[in-house]
Protein backbone atom coordinates (compact mmCIF):
# COMPACT_ATOMS: atom_id res chain seq x y z
CA UNK A 1 -1.74 -20.83 -20.20
CA UNK A 2 -1.56 -17.03 -20.62
CA UNK A 3 -4.71 -15.18 -21.42
CA UNK A 4 -5.00 -13.13 -24.61
CA UNK A 5 -5.00 -9.38 -23.94
CA UNK A 6 -8.45 -7.85 -24.24
CA UNK A 7 -9.26 -4.94 -26.51
CA UNK A 8 -10.50 -1.67 -25.03
CA UNK A 9 -13.99 -2.41 -26.33
CA UNK A 10 -13.91 -5.88 -24.81
CA UNK A 11 -12.91 -4.47 -21.44
CA UNK A 12 -15.79 -1.99 -21.47
CA UNK A 13 -18.28 -4.69 -22.46
CA UNK A 14 -17.15 -6.79 -19.51
CA UNK A 15 -16.57 -4.13 -16.86
CA UNK A 16 -18.78 -1.12 -17.65
CA UNK A 17 -20.95 -1.79 -14.59
CA UNK A 18 -17.86 -1.84 -12.38
CA UNK A 19 -16.70 1.51 -13.81
CA UNK A 20 -20.18 3.04 -13.41
CA UNK A 21 -20.46 1.79 -9.83
CA UNK A 22 -17.01 3.16 -8.95
CA UNK A 23 -17.94 6.53 -10.47
CA UNK A 24 -21.18 6.74 -8.48
CA UNK A 25 -19.34 5.51 -5.38
CA UNK A 26 -16.81 8.31 -5.74
CA UNK A 27 -19.62 10.89 -5.65
CA UNK A 28 -20.44 10.05 -2.03
CA UNK A 29 -17.31 10.80 0.01
CA UNK A 30 -17.23 14.58 -0.75
CA UNK A 31 -20.97 15.11 -0.13
CA UNK A 32 -20.43 16.64 3.32
CA UNK A 33 -17.75 18.96 1.95
CA UNK A 34 -19.68 20.17 -1.09
CA UNK A 35 -22.90 20.63 0.91
CA UNK A 36 -21.42 22.41 3.93
CA UNK A 37 -21.98 25.86 2.43
CA UNK A 38 -25.72 25.14 2.23
CA UNK A 39 -25.84 24.09 5.89
CA UNK A 40 -23.96 27.14 7.18
CA UNK A 41 -26.94 29.49 7.37
CA UNK A 42 -29.27 27.13 9.30
CA UNK A 43 -26.40 26.14 11.62
CA UNK A 44 -25.60 29.79 12.27
CA UNK A 45 -29.24 30.57 12.89
CA UNK A 46 -29.72 27.70 15.37
CA UNK A 47 -26.40 27.73 17.23
CA UNK A 48 -24.97 31.21 16.62
CA UNK A 49 -21.72 29.78 15.28
CA UNK A 50 -19.35 31.73 13.07
CA UNK A 51 -18.71 30.35 9.62
CA UNK A 52 -15.05 29.77 10.43
CA UNK A 53 -16.17 27.58 13.33
CA UNK A 54 -18.53 25.61 11.10
CA UNK A 55 -15.68 25.13 8.63
CA UNK A 56 -13.43 23.52 11.25
CA UNK A 57 -14.77 20.17 10.07
CA UNK A 58 -13.10 20.62 6.68
CA UNK A 59 -9.74 21.17 8.39
CA UNK A 60 -10.19 17.96 10.39
CA UNK A 61 -11.12 16.10 7.20
CA UNK A 62 -7.99 17.38 5.44
CA UNK A 63 -5.69 16.41 8.32
CA UNK A 64 -6.98 12.84 8.37
CA UNK A 65 -6.65 12.59 4.59
CA UNK A 66 -3.01 13.68 4.74
CA UNK A 67 -2.09 11.33 7.59
CA UNK A 68 -4.01 8.18 6.71
CA UNK A 69 -4.76 7.97 2.97
CA UNK A 70 -1.54 6.05 2.26
CA UNK A 71 -1.97 3.50 5.11
CA UNK A 72 -5.57 2.90 4.05
CA UNK A 73 -4.28 2.44 0.51
CA UNK A 74 -2.02 -0.33 1.81
CA UNK A 75 -5.08 -2.08 3.28
CA UNK A 76 -6.81 -1.82 -0.09
CA UNK A 77 -3.78 -3.35 -1.79
CA UNK A 78 -3.71 -6.20 0.70
CA UNK A 79 -7.39 -7.04 1.11
CA UNK A 80 -8.96 -5.66 -2.05
CA UNK A 81 -11.20 -2.73 -2.88
CA UNK A 82 -14.53 -4.45 -2.21
CA UNK A 83 -13.66 -5.47 1.35
CA UNK A 84 -12.79 -1.86 2.15
CA UNK A 85 -15.46 -0.02 0.15
CA UNK A 86 -18.53 -1.83 1.52
CA UNK A 87 -17.71 -1.31 5.22
CA UNK A 88 -16.49 2.18 4.28
CA UNK A 89 -19.78 3.22 2.72
CA UNK A 90 -21.69 1.82 5.70
CA UNK A 91 -19.55 3.83 8.12
CA UNK A 92 -19.82 6.84 5.82
CA UNK A 93 -23.62 6.66 5.92
CA UNK A 94 -23.61 6.57 9.72
CA UNK A 95 -21.08 9.40 9.91
CA UNK A 96 -22.93 11.72 7.52
CA UNK A 97 -26.24 11.05 9.24
CA UNK A 98 -24.61 11.66 12.64
CA UNK A 99 -23.97 15.30 11.69
CA UNK A 100 -27.71 15.82 12.17
CA UNK A 101 -27.24 15.31 15.93
CA UNK A 102 -25.16 18.47 16.37
CA UNK A 103 -26.28 20.11 19.62
CA UNK A 104 -24.47 23.44 19.61
CA UNK A 105 -21.23 22.23 21.17
CA UNK A 106 -18.23 22.98 19.01
CA UNK A 107 -16.33 20.14 20.66
CA UNK A 108 -19.08 17.74 19.62
CA UNK A 109 -19.15 19.24 16.10
CA UNK A 110 -15.42 18.60 15.67
CA UNK A 111 -15.87 15.08 17.07
CA UNK A 112 -18.64 14.35 14.55
CA UNK A 113 -16.40 15.54 11.71
CA UNK A 114 -13.53 13.47 13.08
CA UNK A 115 -15.72 10.38 12.83
CA UNK A 116 -16.74 11.39 9.30
CA UNK A 117 -13.10 11.93 8.29
CA UNK A 118 -12.12 8.49 9.61
CA UNK A 119 -15.07 6.71 7.99
CA UNK A 120 -14.63 8.20 4.53
CA UNK A 121 -10.93 7.33 4.33
CA UNK A 122 -12.06 3.98 2.91
CA UNK A 123 -14.14 5.49 0.07
CA UNK A 124 -11.79 8.08 -1.38
CA UNK A 125 -10.01 8.11 -4.74
CA UNK A 126 -7.74 5.17 -3.91
CA UNK A 127 -10.40 2.47 -3.56
CA UNK A 128 -12.26 3.34 -6.78
CA UNK A 129 -9.15 3.77 -8.94
CA UNK A 130 -7.62 0.59 -7.54
CA UNK A 131 -10.68 -1.45 -8.53
CA UNK A 132 -10.88 -0.24 -12.14
CA UNK A 133 -7.11 -0.35 -12.61
CA UNK A 134 -7.15 -4.09 -11.92
CA UNK A 135 -10.02 -4.70 -14.37
CA UNK A 136 -8.87 -2.44 -17.23
CA UNK A 137 -5.58 -2.60 -19.08
CA UNK A 138 -6.03 -1.50 -22.69
CA UNK A 139 -8.50 1.22 -21.64
CA UNK A 140 -7.19 1.89 -18.16
CA UNK A 141 -6.62 5.59 -18.74
CA UNK A 142 -10.19 6.26 -19.88
CA UNK A 143 -11.62 4.06 -17.11
CA UNK A 144 -9.75 6.02 -14.44
CA UNK A 145 -10.89 9.25 -16.10
CA UNK A 146 -14.52 8.16 -15.96
CA UNK A 147 -14.23 7.26 -12.27
CA UNK A 148 -12.55 10.56 -11.41
CA UNK A 149 -15.50 12.41 -12.93
CA UNK A 150 -17.42 11.27 -9.87
CA UNK A 151 -16.04 14.17 -7.84
CA UNK A 152 -17.18 16.65 -10.52
CA UNK A 153 -20.64 15.12 -10.57
CA UNK A 154 -20.79 15.38 -6.79
CA UNK A 155 -19.68 19.00 -6.90
CA UNK A 156 -22.47 19.76 -9.39
CA UNK A 157 -25.31 17.75 -7.85
CA UNK A 158 -24.69 18.03 -4.11
CA UNK A 159 -25.59 21.73 -3.67
CA UNK A 160 -28.80 21.30 -5.69
CA UNK A 161 -29.96 18.21 -3.79
CA UNK A 162 -28.88 19.53 -0.38
CA UNK A 163 -30.71 22.84 -0.84
CA UNK A 164 -33.96 21.12 -1.78
CA UNK A 165 -33.73 18.76 1.17
CA UNK A 166 -32.97 21.61 3.59
CA UNK A 167 -35.87 23.68 2.25
CA UNK A 168 -38.26 20.74 2.35
CA UNK A 169 -37.29 18.90 5.53
CA UNK A 170 -34.90 21.06 7.57
CA UNK A 171 -31.16 20.72 7.95
CA UNK A 172 -31.20 17.76 10.38
CA UNK A 173 -33.38 15.57 8.17
CA UNK A 174 -31.42 16.76 5.13
CA UNK A 175 -28.24 15.19 6.54
CA UNK A 176 -30.12 11.98 7.32
CA UNK A 177 -31.73 11.78 3.88
CA UNK A 178 -28.42 12.42 2.13
CA UNK A 179 -26.89 9.58 4.13
CA UNK A 180 -29.70 7.09 3.60
CA UNK A 181 -30.63 8.02 0.04
CA UNK A 182 -27.29 8.72 -1.59
CA UNK A 183 -25.32 6.31 0.56
CA UNK A 184 -27.97 3.62 0.29
CA UNK A 185 -27.88 3.76 -3.50
CA UNK A 186 -24.09 3.41 -3.49
CA UNK A 187 -24.26 0.49 -1.04
CA UNK A 188 -26.72 -1.45 -3.22
CA UNK A 189 -24.54 -0.91 -6.31
CA UNK A 190 -21.43 -2.02 -4.43
CA UNK A 191 -23.06 -5.21 -3.23
CA UNK A 192 -24.21 -6.08 -6.75
CA UNK A 193 -21.47 -4.91 -9.10
CA UNK A 194 -18.28 -3.91 -7.26
CA UNK A 195 -15.70 -6.70 -7.37
CA UNK A 196 -11.92 -7.02 -7.40
CA UNK A 197 -10.24 -8.66 -10.36
CA UNK A 198 -7.07 -10.62 -9.84
CA UNK A 199 -4.61 -12.25 -12.26
CA UNK A 200 -6.11 -13.29 -15.60
CA UNK A 201 -9.03 -10.93 -14.97
CA UNK A 202 -10.78 -13.38 -12.63
CA UNK A 203 -13.16 -11.78 -10.10
CA UNK A 204 -12.23 -12.39 -6.47
CA UNK A 205 -14.84 -14.08 -4.31
CA UNK A 206 -16.17 -11.76 -1.63
CA UNK A 207 -16.53 -14.60 0.85
CA UNK A 208 -12.84 -15.48 0.72
CA UNK A 209 -11.23 -14.20 3.90
CA UNK A 210 -7.69 -14.48 2.55
CA UNK A 211 -5.83 -11.36 1.42
CA UNK A 212 -6.10 -10.47 -2.26
CA UNK A 213 -3.42 -12.20 -4.37
CA UNK A 214 -0.30 -10.20 -5.20
CA UNK A 215 -0.54 -8.33 -8.47
CA UNK A 216 2.30 -7.35 -10.79
CA UNK A 217 4.37 -4.36 -9.75
CA UNK A 218 6.72 -2.98 -7.13
CA UNK A 219 6.22 -3.27 -3.40
CA UNK A 220 5.43 0.03 -1.70
CA UNK A 221 9.03 0.49 -0.52
CA UNK A 222 10.37 -0.25 -3.98
CA UNK A 223 7.89 2.07 -5.65
CA UNK A 224 8.56 5.15 -3.54
CA UNK A 225 12.30 4.78 -4.19
CA UNK A 226 12.04 4.70 -7.98
CA UNK A 227 13.02 7.83 -9.85
CA UNK A 228 9.83 7.91 -11.91
CA UNK A 229 7.52 7.82 -8.86
CA UNK A 230 9.60 10.43 -7.03
CA UNK A 231 9.40 12.73 -10.06
CA UNK A 232 5.66 12.19 -10.40
CA UNK A 233 5.18 13.05 -6.71
CA UNK A 234 7.40 16.12 -7.12
CA UNK A 235 5.34 17.29 -10.08
CA UNK A 236 2.13 16.68 -8.12
CA UNK A 237 3.43 18.75 -5.20
CA UNK A 238 4.56 21.71 -7.30
CA UNK A 239 1.52 21.63 -9.56
CA UNK A 240 -0.91 21.33 -6.65
CA UNK A 241 0.52 24.33 -4.82
CA UNK A 242 -0.32 26.42 -7.87
CA UNK A 243 -3.63 24.85 -8.87
CA UNK A 244 -5.12 24.66 -5.37
CA UNK A 245 -4.17 28.25 -4.54
CA UNK A 246 -5.70 29.54 -7.75
CA UNK A 247 -8.80 27.34 -7.51
CA UNK A 248 -9.71 28.65 -4.05
CA UNK A 249 -9.15 32.28 -5.08
CA UNK A 250 -10.43 31.93 -8.65
CA UNK A 251 -13.42 34.28 -8.41
CA UNK A 252 -11.42 37.00 -6.57
CA UNK A 253 -8.67 36.62 -9.20
CA UNK A 254 -11.24 37.19 -11.94
CA UNK A 255 -12.62 40.21 -10.10
CA UNK A 256 -9.03 41.48 -9.84
CA UNK A 257 -8.87 41.50 -13.65
CA UNK A 258 -11.74 44.01 -13.79
CA UNK A 259 -14.78 41.74 -14.07
CA UNK A 260 -17.90 42.28 -11.98
CA UNK A 261 -18.65 39.83 -9.17
CA UNK A 262 -21.61 38.30 -11.03
CA UNK A 263 -19.67 37.79 -14.26
CA UNK A 264 -16.68 36.39 -12.36
CA UNK A 265 -18.86 33.89 -10.51
CA UNK A 266 -20.48 32.74 -13.76
CA UNK A 267 -17.14 32.30 -15.51
CA UNK A 268 -15.67 30.53 -12.48
CA UNK A 269 -18.30 27.81 -12.86
CA UNK A 270 -16.72 26.78 -16.16
CA UNK A 271 -13.78 25.27 -14.29
CA UNK A 272 -15.74 22.25 -13.06
CA UNK A 273 -17.10 21.30 -16.49
CA UNK A 274 -13.68 21.79 -18.05
CA UNK A 275 -12.11 19.54 -15.40
CA UNK A 276 -14.46 16.69 -16.37
CA UNK A 277 -13.48 17.15 -20.01
CA UNK A 278 -9.80 17.14 -19.00
CA UNK A 279 -10.13 13.84 -17.16
CA UNK A 280 -11.92 12.06 -19.99
CA UNK A 281 -9.82 13.37 -22.89
CA UNK A 282 -6.54 12.86 -21.06
CA UNK A 283 -7.55 9.32 -20.12
CA UNK A 284 -8.32 8.48 -23.74
CA UNK A 285 -5.03 10.01 -24.93
CA UNK A 286 -2.95 8.17 -22.33
CA UNK A 287 -4.37 4.88 -23.59
CA UNK A 288 -3.21 5.71 -27.11
CA UNK A 289 -0.06 7.81 -26.76
CA UNK A 290 2.91 6.42 -24.86
CA UNK A 291 5.71 8.70 -23.78
CA UNK A 292 5.97 12.06 -22.05
CA UNK A 293 3.93 14.39 -24.26
CA UNK A 294 0.56 13.99 -22.55
CA UNK A 295 1.92 14.17 -18.97
CA UNK A 296 4.05 17.20 -19.88
CA UNK A 297 1.06 19.04 -21.34
CA UNK A 298 -1.09 18.09 -18.35
CA UNK A 299 1.29 19.60 -15.80
CA UNK A 300 2.47 22.60 -17.82
CA UNK A 301 -0.82 23.69 -19.44
CA UNK A 302 -1.87 25.88 -16.45
CA UNK A 303 0.88 28.29 -17.44
CA UNK A 304 -1.20 29.27 -20.49
CA UNK A 305 -4.27 29.96 -18.36
CA UNK A 306 -2.29 32.09 -15.91
CA UNK A 307 -0.64 34.00 -18.77
CA UNK A 308 -4.09 34.85 -20.14
CA UNK A 309 -5.18 36.18 -16.75
CA UNK A 310 -2.11 38.43 -16.67
CA UNK A 311 -3.29 40.26 -19.81
CA UNK A 312 -4.35 43.78 -18.76
CA UNK A 313 -8.16 44.03 -18.68
CA UNK A 314 -8.61 40.68 -20.47
CA UNK A 315 -12.40 40.90 -20.69
CA UNK A 316 -14.97 38.16 -20.18
CA UNK A 317 -14.10 36.04 -23.23
CA UNK A 318 -10.38 35.85 -22.53
CA UNK A 319 -11.05 35.24 -18.83
CA UNK A 320 -13.47 32.44 -19.73
CA UNK A 321 -10.83 30.84 -21.97
CA UNK A 322 -8.28 31.10 -19.15
CA UNK A 323 -10.66 29.45 -16.68
CA UNK A 324 -11.44 26.64 -19.11
CA UNK A 325 -7.71 26.03 -19.63
CA UNK A 326 -7.11 25.98 -15.86
CA UNK A 327 -10.08 23.69 -15.24
CA UNK A 328 -9.12 21.36 -18.06
CA UNK A 329 -5.54 21.13 -16.84
CA UNK A 330 -6.66 20.47 -13.24
CA UNK A 331 -8.70 17.50 -14.41
CA UNK A 332 -5.89 16.39 -16.70
CA UNK A 333 -3.31 16.44 -13.89
CA UNK A 334 -5.58 14.42 -11.58
CA UNK A 335 -6.05 11.84 -14.32
CA UNK A 336 -2.37 11.76 -15.30
CA UNK A 337 -1.05 11.11 -11.81
CA UNK A 338 -3.54 8.29 -11.16
CA UNK A 339 -2.72 6.63 -14.48
CA UNK A 340 1.06 7.09 -14.43
CA UNK A 341 1.31 5.45 -11.01
CA UNK A 342 -0.35 2.30 -12.39
CA UNK A 343 2.27 2.16 -15.14
CA UNK A 344 5.44 3.08 -13.25
CA UNK A 345 4.63 1.37 -9.92
CA UNK A 346 2.33 -1.39 -11.18
CA UNK A 347 -0.75 -2.63 -9.36
CA UNK A 348 0.79 -4.48 -6.43
CA UNK A 349 0.94 -1.41 -4.16
CA UNK A 350 -1.03 0.99 -6.35
CA UNK A 351 -3.50 2.23 -3.75
CA UNK A 352 -0.76 2.95 -1.21
CA UNK A 353 1.36 4.87 -3.72
CA UNK A 354 -1.68 6.79 -4.98
CA UNK A 355 -2.43 7.52 -1.32
CA UNK A 356 0.96 9.20 -1.01
CA UNK A 357 0.17 11.42 -4.01
CA UNK A 358 -3.24 12.22 -2.53
CA UNK A 359 -1.62 13.12 0.80
CA UNK A 360 0.72 15.49 -1.02
CA UNK A 361 -2.29 17.25 -2.50
CA UNK A 362 -3.83 17.37 0.97
CA UNK A 363 -0.74 19.15 2.28
CA UNK A 364 -1.07 21.86 -0.34
CA UNK A 365 -4.73 22.44 0.64
CA UNK A 366 -3.57 23.95 3.90
CA UNK A 367 -0.71 26.07 2.55
CA UNK A 368 -1.51 27.21 -0.98
CA UNK A 369 -4.77 29.15 -0.36
CA UNK A 370 -3.16 30.91 2.63
CA UNK A 371 -0.11 31.87 0.56
CA UNK A 372 -2.21 33.25 -2.30
CA UNK A 373 -4.29 35.27 0.17
CA UNK A 374 -1.17 36.57 1.90
CA UNK A 375 0.31 37.71 -1.39
CA UNK A 376 -2.88 39.64 -2.11
CA UNK A 377 -2.90 41.17 1.38
CA UNK A 378 0.69 42.39 0.95
CA UNK A 379 0.61 43.49 -2.70
CA UNK A 380 -3.07 44.29 -3.24
CA UNK A 381 -3.15 42.06 -6.32
CA UNK A 382 -2.91 38.44 -7.47
CA UNK A 383 -0.39 39.28 -10.22
CA UNK A 384 2.57 37.90 -8.26
CA UNK A 385 0.72 34.63 -7.60
CA UNK A 386 0.12 34.19 -11.33
CA UNK A 387 3.66 35.22 -12.26
CA UNK A 388 5.18 32.73 -9.81
CA UNK A 389 2.75 30.03 -10.92
CA UNK A 390 3.87 30.05 -14.56
CA UNK A 391 7.48 28.86 -14.00
CA UNK A 392 6.31 26.47 -11.27
CA UNK A 393 3.97 24.62 -13.61
CA UNK A 394 6.65 24.48 -16.29
CA UNK A 395 9.01 22.91 -13.75
CA UNK A 396 6.29 20.38 -12.88
CA UNK A 397 5.96 19.55 -16.56
CA UNK A 398 9.71 19.18 -16.90
CA UNK A 399 9.77 16.62 -14.09
CA UNK A 400 7.57 14.23 -16.08
CA UNK A 401 8.94 14.95 -19.56
CA UNK A 402 11.44 12.08 -19.54
CA UNK A 403 10.05 9.39 -17.24
CA UNK A 404 11.17 6.68 -19.66
CA UNK A 405 9.47 3.53 -20.89
CA UNK A 406 6.89 1.78 -18.73
CA UNK A 407 8.52 -0.99 -16.67
CA UNK A 408 7.68 -4.55 -17.66
CA UNK A 409 5.92 -6.29 -14.78
CA UNK A 410 5.44 -10.04 -14.72
CA UNK A 411 1.89 -11.17 -15.64
CA UNK A 412 0.87 -7.64 -16.62
CA UNK A 413 1.31 -8.49 -20.25
CA UNK A 414 0.35 -5.68 -22.55
CA UNK A 415 -0.19 -3.22 -19.74
CA UNK A 416 3.43 -2.36 -19.80
CA UNK A 417 4.27 -3.01 -23.38
């Protein structure tokens, strides 16, 4: 007997604790990244390291994310999100706390970050989005958007909490307290409320050692050969090269328009809040509007923000509008790619396919900021970066403008209809 499709409201009544837990869980994995700037000064003072040496950990983290996010996604697809997230958060707590044992050896520092990079592979975007995608159908877009806001919350809260802990207890105890306090809260929530949902929206028993049952959708090999997924990945690659390069250089770009450093820094902060709005609004729209309009706007909207920044002496208000557009579109693109993969690949290999998209973004993290900086070094301005970015984002939008109807997957019911 087939189960009647739930309404969006019914899904939220049943699964709001799952969505909240996934959102809070997603705040933990980037804690070390978002707090590193606060730890730089005490690390420099104690060990005499250069900031570039301290930042080597971020490079290690990025390399592991590029290489292993997709394989870990395959494990999530096979064994379920809960069986990966709970051990992952435990390892993540140990790894974050272990950073407090740095002894001045750069080799040891890189080794500690290597352990952290390996541990947190199991608690990145893939595991949280996979869990809510199985539970939500009618409101899947908004649910994914809510979960993805976890990174924005972490970016906002981590520096504040880390600074207070460093001031009050020193940098070593700060790492330990972040691990035990933040990680401990996430672990308790996972144990209580984080479950996988299989066919007919039935929660999977955590004690069952068998792999999670197959869900509707393509296998991984089938998915990565479909035209829609290839176009989505192409749009992600092109769009990320532009958005990542601009995001890293955003404050210098604003200064390049004639703004003071203080004003530029204040305006740059609007990007994070706008990204949260982009994730939530785009998620709600994707649940209601089928077709290519929302994905096209998500990927092509940055062109408007870059055009505004190319206005001679734009002033603070125009620059603020440009930053809000860029931030909104960054959140919208993140949301769109996570949602579209659920529709065009299905849920059977969702985490693995999303892992591929995440790895593509990881690749751009190494290249795009360097390229934008090189352009500035050669030309003395960011104008060429912005001028090249406009057609690139329009091309990214064009790649998703005609993806076609959602495939019909057996047992997915209204999720594809």
